[in-house]
């Protein structure tokens, strides 16, 4: 099996993207290790429902998609069994949809989510924001005996094609190793 380092293209997040301004995003390469270090929680979850909502932020009122998900496995950190993942969106034709570089997950879809506490959400509310927009939600697919995570292939993710299958257990090991390294580096 091809050994994947799980590098993926995504929109660089800043305040502008959190305020759902896609024009100011820029592509950059992000590794699973980097996502793991930035995430408070990494969880495998199944999307139960998807809703669009206009959310008040410090910069004004912006569209967001909200993925309600049932957690199947917590890979790192801690979270409730049911979570709500907010993702900046766009309004098109009177409906809220995903940004071009954002995840487009449907009901019943499983994904590995790299999450941080939702901006302005009450602690323990189960409301989270994705780390690095589209990079923070990696779809899970069946792969024989082992589940696999569909990671956009470097150089082709921008075009919406080309995916590398990474075994879920390998991705999980990579996340845990990155978190352990981070903990070791933080010690004096």
C-alpha atoms as a PDB file:
ATOM      1  CA  UNK A   1       0.000   0.000   0.000  1.00  0.00           C
ATOM      2  CA  UNK A   2       1.235   3.449  -0.875  1.00  0.00           C
ATOM      3  CA  UNK A   3       2.555   5.183   2.221  1.00  0.00           C
ATOM      4  CA  UNK A   4       0.910   8.556   2.384  1.00  0.00           C
ATOM      5  CA  UNK A   5       2.090  11.496   4.407  1.00  0.00           C
ATOM      6  CA  UNK A   6      -1.381  12.960   4.006  1.00  0.00           C
ATOM      7  CA  UNK A   7      -0.452  16.383   2.711  1.00  0.00           C
ATOM      8  CA  UNK A   8      -3.456  18.260   1.457  1.00  0.00           C
ATOM      9  CA  UNK A   9      -4.294  21.540  -0.249  1.00  0.00           C
ATOM     10  CA  UNK A  10      -6.670  23.860   1.489  1.00  0.00           C
ATOM     11  CA  UNK A  11      -7.577  27.469   2.047  1.00  0.00           C
ATOM     12  CA  UNK A  12      -5.413  29.198   4.624  1.00  0.00           C
ATOM     13  CA  UNK A  13      -7.644  30.334   7.411  1.00  0.00           C
ATOM     14  CA  UNK A  14      -7.487  33.717   8.965  1.00  0.00           C
ATOM     15  CA  UNK A  15     -10.030  36.057  10.407  1.00  0.00           C
ATOM     16  CA  UNK A  16     -11.330  36.723   6.906  1.00  0.00           C
ATOM     17  CA  UNK A  17     -12.313  33.117   6.305  1.00  0.00           C
ATOM     18  CA  UNK A  18     -13.841  32.771   9.762  1.00  0.00           C
ATOM     19  CA  UNK A  19     -15.982  35.690   8.695  1.00  0.00           C
ATOM     20  CA  UNK A  20     -16.802  33.733   5.505  1.00  0.00           C
ATOM     21  CA  UNK A  21     -14.931  35.953   3.090  1.00  0.00           C
ATOM     22  CA  UNK A  22     -13.622  33.529   0.450  1.00  0.00           C
ATOM     23  CA  UNK A  23     -11.912  36.206  -1.634  1.00  0.00           C
ATOM     24  CA  UNK A  24      -9.148  36.617   0.940  1.00  0.00           C
ATOM     25  CA  UNK A  25      -8.240  32.902   1.284  1.00  0.00           C
ATOM     26  CA  UNK A  26      -5.003  31.569  -0.180  1.00  0.00           C
ATOM     27  CA  UNK A  27      -3.989  27.994  -0.933  1.00  0.00           C
ATOM     28  CA  UNK A  28      -1.244  26.339   1.042  1.00  0.00           C
ATOM     29  CA  UNK A  29      -0.034  22.863   1.895  1.00  0.00           C
ATOM     30  CA  UNK A  30      -1.048  21.499   5.309  1.00  0.00           C
ATOM     31  CA  UNK A  31      -0.047  18.184   6.878  1.00  0.00           C
ATOM     32  CA  UNK A  32      -2.058  15.935   9.160  1.00  0.00           C
ATOM     33  CA  UNK A  33       0.594  16.668  11.803  1.00  0.00           C
ATOM     34  CA  UNK A  34      -0.072  20.401  11.550  1.00  0.00           C
ATOM     35  CA  UNK A  35      -3.845  19.874  11.690  1.00  0.00           C
ATOM     36  CA  UNK A  36      -3.393  17.630  14.738  1.00  0.00           C
ATOM     37  CA  UNK A  37      -1.347  20.234  16.552  1.00  0.00           C
ATOM     38  CA  UNK A  38      -3.928  22.965  15.905  1.00  0.00           C
ATOM     39  CA  UNK A  39      -6.959  20.829  16.784  1.00  0.00           C
ATOM     40  CA  UNK A  40      -8.373  20.585  20.289  1.00  0.00           C
ATOM     41  CA  UNK A  41     -10.363  17.522  19.221  1.00  0.00           C
ATOM     42  CA  UNK A  42      -9.921  14.995  16.415  1.00  0.00           C
ATOM     43  CA  UNK A  43     -12.955  12.750  15.984  1.00  0.00           C
ATOM     44  CA  UNK A  44     -14.442  10.304  13.507  1.00  0.00           C
ATOM     45  CA  UNK A  45     -18.128  11.134  13.192  1.00  0.00           C
ATOM     46  CA  UNK A  46     -21.172  10.515  11.004  1.00  0.00           C
ATOM     47  CA  UNK A  47     -23.121  13.516   9.720  1.00  0.00           C
ATOM     48  CA  UNK A  48     -26.717  13.316  10.974  1.00  0.00           C
ATOM     49  CA  UNK A  49     -27.964  16.543   9.408  1.00  0.00           C
ATOM     50  CA  UNK A  50     -26.775  19.617   7.535  1.00  0.00           C
ATOM     51  CA  UNK A  51     -28.390  23.023   7.982  1.00  0.00           C
ATOM     52  CA  UNK A  52     -27.569  26.524   6.827  1.00  0.00           C
ATOM     53  CA  UNK A  53     -27.674  29.421   9.241  1.00  0.00           C
ATOM     54  CA  UNK A  54     -26.827  33.101   9.293  1.00  0.00           C
ATOM     55  CA  UNK A  55     -24.496  33.643  12.261  1.00  0.00           C
ATOM     56  CA  UNK A  56     -23.681  36.935  13.974  1.00  0.00           C
ATOM     57  CA  UNK A  57     -19.926  37.475  14.253  1.00  0.00           C
ATOM     58  CA  UNK A  58     -17.796  40.407  15.337  1.00  0.00           C
ATOM     59  CA  UNK A  59     -17.491  41.324  11.642  1.00  0.00           C
ATOM     60  CA  UNK A  60     -21.213  41.114  10.879  1.00  0.00           C
ATOM     61  CA  UNK A  61     -23.758  38.484   9.866  1.00  0.00           C
ATOM     62  CA  UNK A  62     -22.438  35.648   7.680  1.00  0.00           C
ATOM     63  CA  UNK A  63     -23.661  32.322   6.260  1.00  0.00           C
ATOM     64  CA  UNK A  64     -22.498  29.054   7.818  1.00  0.00           C
ATOM     65  CA  UNK A  65     -23.238  25.380   7.240  1.00  0.00           C
ATOM     66  CA  UNK A  66     -23.784  23.465  10.463  1.00  0.00           C
ATOM     67  CA  UNK A  67     -23.041  19.744  10.420  1.00  0.00           C
ATOM     68  CA  UNK A  68     -24.704  17.865  13.266  1.00  0.00           C
ATOM     69  CA  UNK A  69     -22.685  14.687  13.740  1.00  0.00           C
ATOM     70  CA  UNK A  70     -22.708  11.557  15.888  1.00  0.00           C
ATOM     71  CA  UNK A  71     -19.215  10.808  17.187  1.00  0.00           C
ATOM     72  CA  UNK A  72     -18.096   7.240  16.487  1.00  0.00           C
ATOM     73  CA  UNK A  73     -14.545   7.544  17.803  1.00  0.00           C
ATOM     74  CA  UNK A  74     -12.539  10.245  19.545  1.00  0.00           C
ATOM     75  CA  UNK A  75      -8.990  10.074  18.207  1.00  0.00           C
ATOM     76  CA  UNK A  76      -7.583  12.953  20.296  1.00  0.00           C
ATOM     77  CA  UNK A  77      -9.004  15.299  22.914  1.00  0.00           C
ATOM     78  CA  UNK A  78     -12.511  14.965  24.345  1.00  0.00           C
ATOM     79  CA  UNK A  79     -15.970  15.861  23.053  1.00  0.00           C
ATOM     80  CA  UNK A  80     -19.623  14.970  23.552  1.00  0.00           C
ATOM     81  CA  UNK A  81     -21.252  12.089  21.639  1.00  0.00           C
ATOM     82  CA  UNK A  82     -23.143  14.583  19.443  1.00  0.00           C
ATOM     83  CA  UNK A  83     -21.333  17.602  18.003  1.00  0.00           C
ATOM     84  CA  UNK A  84     -22.180  20.588  15.814  1.00  0.00           C
ATOM     85  CA  UNK A  85     -19.484  21.613  13.339  1.00  0.00           C
ATOM     86  CA  UNK A  86     -19.769  25.137  11.896  1.00  0.00           C
ATOM     87  CA  UNK A  87     -18.231  25.848   8.519  1.00  0.00           C
ATOM     88  CA  UNK A  88     -18.282  29.217   6.700  1.00  0.00           C
ATOM     89  CA  UNK A  89     -20.537  29.056   3.648  1.00  0.00           C
ATOM     90  CA  UNK A  90     -21.921  31.162   0.827  1.00  0.00           C
ATOM     91  CA  UNK A  91     -25.410  32.203  -0.140  1.00  0.00           C
ATOM     92  CA  UNK A  92     -26.384  31.206  -3.678  1.00  0.00           C
ATOM     93  CA  UNK A  93     -29.904  31.166  -5.023  1.00  0.00           C
ATOM     94  CA  UNK A  94     -31.312  31.911  -1.590  1.00  0.00           C
ATOM     95  CA  UNK A  95     -29.644  28.845  -0.052  1.00  0.00           C
ATOM     96  CA  UNK A  96     -26.509  28.455   2.027  1.00  0.00           C
ATOM     97  CA  UNK A  97     -23.895  26.206   0.416  1.00  0.00           C
ATOM     98  CA  UNK A  98     -20.271  25.281   0.934  1.00  0.00           C
ATOM     99  CA  UNK A  99     -17.315  27.415  -0.082  1.00  0.00           C
ATOM    100  CA  UNK A 100     -15.295  26.057  -3.052  1.00  0.00           C
ATOM    101  CA  UNK A 101     -12.505  24.832  -0.719  1.00  0.00           C
ATOM    102  CA  UNK A 102     -14.882  23.863   2.078  1.00  0.00           C
ATOM    103  CA  UNK A 103     -16.198  20.397   2.850  1.00  0.00           C
ATOM    104  CA  UNK A 104     -19.429  19.338   1.162  1.00  0.00           C
ATOM    105  CA  UNK A 105     -20.630  16.524   3.404  1.00  0.00           C
ATOM    106  CA  UNK A 106     -24.103  15.022   3.220  1.00  0.00           C
ATOM    107  CA  UNK A 107     -26.282  13.198   5.700  1.00  0.00           C
ATOM    108  CA  UNK A 108     -24.822   9.746   6.423  1.00  0.00           C
ATOM    109  CA  UNK A 109     -21.295  10.781   5.410  1.00  0.00           C
ATOM    110  CA  UNK A 110     -18.511   9.839   7.793  1.00  0.00           C
ATOM    111  CA  UNK A 111     -15.476  12.052   8.220  1.00  0.00           C
ATOM    112  CA  UNK A 112     -12.491  12.611  10.465  1.00  0.00           C
ATOM    113  CA  UNK A 113     -12.959  16.130  11.853  1.00  0.00           C
ATOM    114  CA  UNK A 114     -10.088  18.300  13.145  1.00  0.00           C
ATOM    115  CA  UNK A 115     -11.857  20.716  15.494  1.00  0.00           C
ATOM    116  CA  UNK A 116     -11.386  23.668  17.782  1.00  0.00           C
ATOM    117  CA  UNK A 117     -13.936  25.109  20.214  1.00  0.00           C
ATOM    118  CA  UNK A 118     -16.550  27.124  18.375  1.00  0.00           C
ATOM    119  CA  UNK A 119     -15.841  30.829  18.444  1.00  0.00           C
ATOM    120  CA  UNK A 120     -18.291  32.410  20.887  1.00  0.00           C
ATOM    121  CA  UNK A 121     -19.843  29.040  21.811  1.00  0.00           C
ATOM    122  CA  UNK A 122     -20.452  28.129  25.431  1.00  0.00           C
ATOM    123  CA  UNK A 123     -17.938  25.638  26.876  1.00  0.00           C
ATOM    124  CA  UNK A 124     -19.311  22.086  26.719  1.00  0.00           C
ATOM    125  CA  UNK A 125     -21.971  23.055  24.149  1.00  0.00           C
ATOM    126  CA  UNK A 126     -20.581  20.639  21.546  1.00  0.00           C
ATOM    127  CA  UNK A 127     -20.223  23.482  19.009  1.00  0.00           C
ATOM    128  CA  UNK A 128     -16.949  23.397  17.074  1.00  0.00           C
ATOM    129  CA  UNK A 129     -15.235  25.103  14.146  1.00  0.00           C
ATOM    130  CA  UNK A 130     -13.025  23.229  11.687  1.00  0.00           C
ATOM    131  CA  UNK A 131      -9.272  23.684  11.688  1.00  0.00           C
ATOM    132  CA  UNK A 132      -8.154  24.892   8.223  1.00  0.00           C
ATOM    133  CA  UNK A 133     -11.574  24.809   6.553  1.00  0.00           C
ATOM    134  CA  UNK A 134     -11.574  22.045   3.883  1.00  0.00           C
ATOM    135  CA  UNK A 135      -8.531  20.343   5.383  1.00  0.00           C
ATOM    136  CA  UNK A 136     -10.322  19.848   8.685  1.00  0.00           C
ATOM    137  CA  UNK A 137     -12.872  17.317   7.403  1.00  0.00           C
ATOM    138  CA  UNK A 138     -11.531  14.200   5.696  1.00  0.00           C
ATOM    139  CA  UNK A 139     -14.205  11.815   4.331  1.00  0.00           C
ATOM    140  CA  UNK A 140     -14.099   8.190   5.498  1.00  0.00           C
ATOM    141  CA  UNK A 141     -14.840   5.413   2.996  1.00  0.00           C
ATOM    142  CA  UNK A 142     -15.047   1.650   3.298  1.00  0.00           C
ATOM    143  CA  UNK A 143     -11.889  -0.106   2.157  1.00  0.00           C
ATOM    144  CA  UNK A 144     -12.210  -3.868   2.482  1.00  0.00           C
ATOM    145  CA  UNK A 145     -11.543  -4.856   6.085  1.00  0.00           C
ATOM    146  CA  UNK A 146     -10.088  -1.472   7.015  1.00  0.00           C
ATOM    147  CA  UNK A 147     -11.763   1.908   6.770  1.00  0.00           C
ATOM    148  CA  UNK A 148      -9.853   4.436   4.703  1.00  0.00           C
ATOM    149  CA  UNK A 149      -9.765   8.212   4.784  1.00  0.00           C
ATOM    150  CA  UNK A 150      -9.981   9.993   1.456  1.00  0.00           C
ATOM    151  CA  UNK A 151      -7.239  12.629   1.507  1.00  0.00           C
ATOM    152  CA  UNK A 152      -6.974  15.081  -1.429  1.00  0.00           C
ATOM    153  CA  UNK A 153      -3.849  14.385  -3.435  1.00  0.00           C
ATOM    154  CA  UNK A 154      -1.261  17.151  -3.543  1.00  0.00           C
ATOM    155  CA  UNK A 155      -1.622  19.192  -6.708  1.00  0.00           C
ATOM    156  CA  UNK A 156      -5.049  17.821  -7.657  1.00  0.00           C
ATOM    157  CA  UNK A 157      -7.216  18.777  -4.676  1.00  0.00           C
ATOM    158  CA  UNK A 158      -7.797  22.262  -6.064  1.00  0.00           C
ATOM    159  CA  UNK A 159      -9.385  20.696  -9.146  1.00  0.00           C
ATOM    160  CA  UNK A 160     -11.682  18.531  -7.003  1.00  0.00           C
ATOM    161  CA  UNK A 161     -10.160  15.243  -8.161  1.00  0.00           C
ATOM    162  CA  UNK A 162      -7.386  12.943  -7.148  1.00  0.00           C
ATOM    163  CA  UNK A 163      -7.687  11.358  -3.736  1.00  0.00           C
ATOM    164  CA  UNK A 164      -5.228   9.256  -1.804  1.00  0.00           C
ATOM    165  CA  UNK A 165      -6.616   6.439   0.338  1.00  0.00           C
ATOM    166  CA  UNK A 166      -5.006   6.446   3.776  1.00  0.00           C
ATOM    167  CA  UNK A 167      -5.925   3.669   6.193  1.00  0.00           C
ATOM    168  CA  UNK A 168      -7.825   5.101   9.153  1.00  0.00           C
ATOM    169  CA  UNK A 169      -5.518   3.308  11.570  1.00  0.00           C
ATOM    170  CA  UNK A 170      -2.486   4.955   9.901  1.00  0.00           C
ATOM    171  CA  UNK A 171      -4.117   8.384  10.091  1.00  0.00           C
ATOM    172  CA  UNK A 172      -4.980   7.765  13.747  1.00  0.00           C
ATOM    173  CA  UNK A 173      -1.370   6.805  14.495  1.00  0.00           C
ATOM    174  CA  UNK A 174      -0.136   9.937  12.729  1.00  0.00           C
ATOM    175  CA  UNK A 175      -2.494  12.152  14.780  1.00  0.00           C
ATOM    176  CA  UNK A 176      -1.431  10.540  18.060  1.00  0.00           C
ATOM    177  CA  UNK A 177       2.272  10.823  17.190  1.00  0.00           C
ATOM    178  CA  UNK A 178       1.883  14.520  16.342  1.00  0.00           C
ATOM    179  CA  UNK A 179       0.091  15.168  19.646  1.00  0.00           C
ATOM    180  CA  UNK A 180       2.766  13.292  21.604  1.00  0.00           C
ATOM    181  CA  UNK A 181       5.512  15.279  19.868  1.00  0.00           C
ATOM    182  CA  UNK A 182       3.680  18.506  20.672  1.00  0.00           C
ATOM    183  CA  UNK A 183       3.401  17.518  24.347  1.00  0.00           C
ATOM    184  CA  UNK A 184       7.123  16.664  24.499  1.00  0.00           C
ATOM    185  CA  UNK A 185       8.083  19.971  22.870  1.00  0.00           C
ATOM    186  CA  UNK A 186       5.911  21.911  25.326  1.00  0.00           C
ATOM    187  CA  UNK A 187       7.761  20.468  28.348  1.00  0.00           C
ATOM    188  CA  UNK A 188      10.706  22.555  29.598  1.00  0.00           C
END
